[in-house]
Amino acid sequence: MTGTRETIEVTAGDVAAELKRRGIGSDEKVTLTIEAEQEIFPGRRASRARVVAEGLTDDDIDRLIKRAQQEVEPLLHFRAGVRRF
């Protein structure tokens, strides 16, 4: 493989648009180096990858998180001395 080597910095969501803008076809090979910024919650990316590997979508993950929040919220209010009726 011969060609010019160039480093650019774009968000993950903009990769396809950037390649298209440069005239690189979807059948052409490129090398992508991923240098993700420091994660706020270490392990989140690896955990999400495992969940997706099990066949869940982002919507499924969001729904599970929302359900867990709804289950925990009343307990937090009760412990704080706040009771809702």
Protein backbone atom coordinates (compact mmCIF):
# COMPACT_ATOMS: atom_id res chain seq x y z
CA MET A 1 0.00 0.00 0.00
CA THR A 2 1.50 3.28 -1.04
CA GLY A 3 0.18 6.73 -0.39
CA THR A 4 0.44 9.72 1.80
CA ARG A 5 0.12 9.44 5.52
CA GLU A 6 -1.86 12.19 7.20
CA THR A 7 -3.17 12.60 10.72
CA ILE A 8 -6.48 14.36 11.28
CA GLU A 9 -8.57 14.77 14.40
CA VAL A 10 -12.36 14.36 14.20
CA THR A 11 -15.11 13.02 16.41
CA ALA A 12 -16.21 9.42 15.92
CA GLY A 13 -19.51 10.64 14.52
CA ASP A 14 -17.75 12.70 11.84
CA VAL A 15 -15.39 10.01 10.48
CA ALA A 16 -17.62 8.91 7.57
CA ALA A 17 -18.35 12.50 6.54
CA GLU A 18 -14.65 13.38 6.63
CA LEU A 19 -13.71 10.39 4.47
CA LYS A 20 -16.46 11.27 1.99
CA ARG A 21 -15.32 14.91 1.95
CA ARG A 22 -11.82 13.72 1.03
CA GLY A 23 -13.18 11.56 -1.78
CA ILE A 24 -12.26 8.26 -0.14
CA GLY A 25 -14.70 5.58 -1.31
CA SER A 26 -16.31 3.05 1.00
CA ASP A 27 -14.38 0.22 -0.70
CA GLU A 28 -10.96 1.84 -0.10
CA LYS A 29 -8.83 0.68 2.82
CA VAL A 30 -7.86 3.17 5.50
CA THR A 31 -6.10 2.83 8.84
CA LEU A 32 -7.88 4.30 11.83
CA THR A 33 -6.08 5.03 15.09
CA ILE A 34 -8.35 5.51 18.08
CA GLU A 35 -7.11 7.73 20.88
CA ALA A 36 -10.13 8.16 23.11
CA GLU A 37 -10.00 10.88 25.73
CA GLN A 38 -9.87 9.99 29.41
CA GLU A 39 -13.15 8.41 30.43
CA ILE A 40 -15.19 10.00 33.19
CA PHE A 41 -16.30 6.56 34.37
CA PRO A 42 -13.50 4.01 33.84
CA GLY A 43 -14.76 0.72 32.46
CA ARG A 44 -17.92 2.18 30.93
CA ARG A 45 -16.72 1.62 27.36
CA ALA A 46 -15.76 -2.03 28.02
CA SER A 47 -19.02 -2.71 29.84
CA ARG A 48 -21.06 -1.19 27.03
CA ALA A 49 -19.20 -3.30 24.47
CA ARG A 50 -20.13 -6.47 26.37
CA VAL A 51 -23.78 -5.47 26.58
CA VAL A 52 -23.90 -4.69 22.85
CA ALA A 53 -22.17 -8.03 22.12
CA GLU A 54 -25.09 -9.72 23.88
CA GLY A 55 -27.43 -8.20 21.31
CA LEU A 56 -28.82 -5.17 23.15
CA THR A 57 -29.22 -1.83 21.37
CA ASP A 58 -28.61 1.68 22.72
CA ASP A 59 -32.37 1.99 23.23
CA ASP A 60 -32.37 -1.23 25.28
CA ILE A 61 -29.52 0.08 27.41
CA ASP A 62 -31.28 3.43 27.96
CA ARG A 63 -34.49 1.61 28.91
CA LEU A 64 -32.65 -0.58 31.45
CA ILE A 65 -30.94 2.46 33.00
CA LYS A 66 -34.22 4.34 33.25
CA ARG A 67 -35.93 1.33 34.88
CA ALA A 68 -33.12 1.01 37.43
CA GLN A 69 -33.36 4.73 38.23
CA GLN A 70 -37.10 4.43 38.79
CA GLU A 71 -36.56 1.47 41.13
CA VAL A 72 -33.87 3.21 43.17
CA GLU A 73 -35.33 6.72 43.35
CA PRO A 74 -38.06 5.99 45.95
CA LEU A 75 -35.45 4.39 48.21
CA LEU A 76 -33.23 7.47 48.01
CA HIS A 77 -36.11 9.78 48.90
CA PHE A 78 -37.16 7.53 51.80
CA ARG A 79 -33.63 7.45 53.25
CA ALA A 80 -33.37 11.23 52.95
CA GLY A 81 -36.54 11.59 54.97
CA VAL A 82 -38.56 12.77 52.00
CA ARG A 83 -41.77 10.89 51.53
CA ARG A 84 -43.90 11.29 48.46
CA PHE A 85 -47.52 10.25 48.44
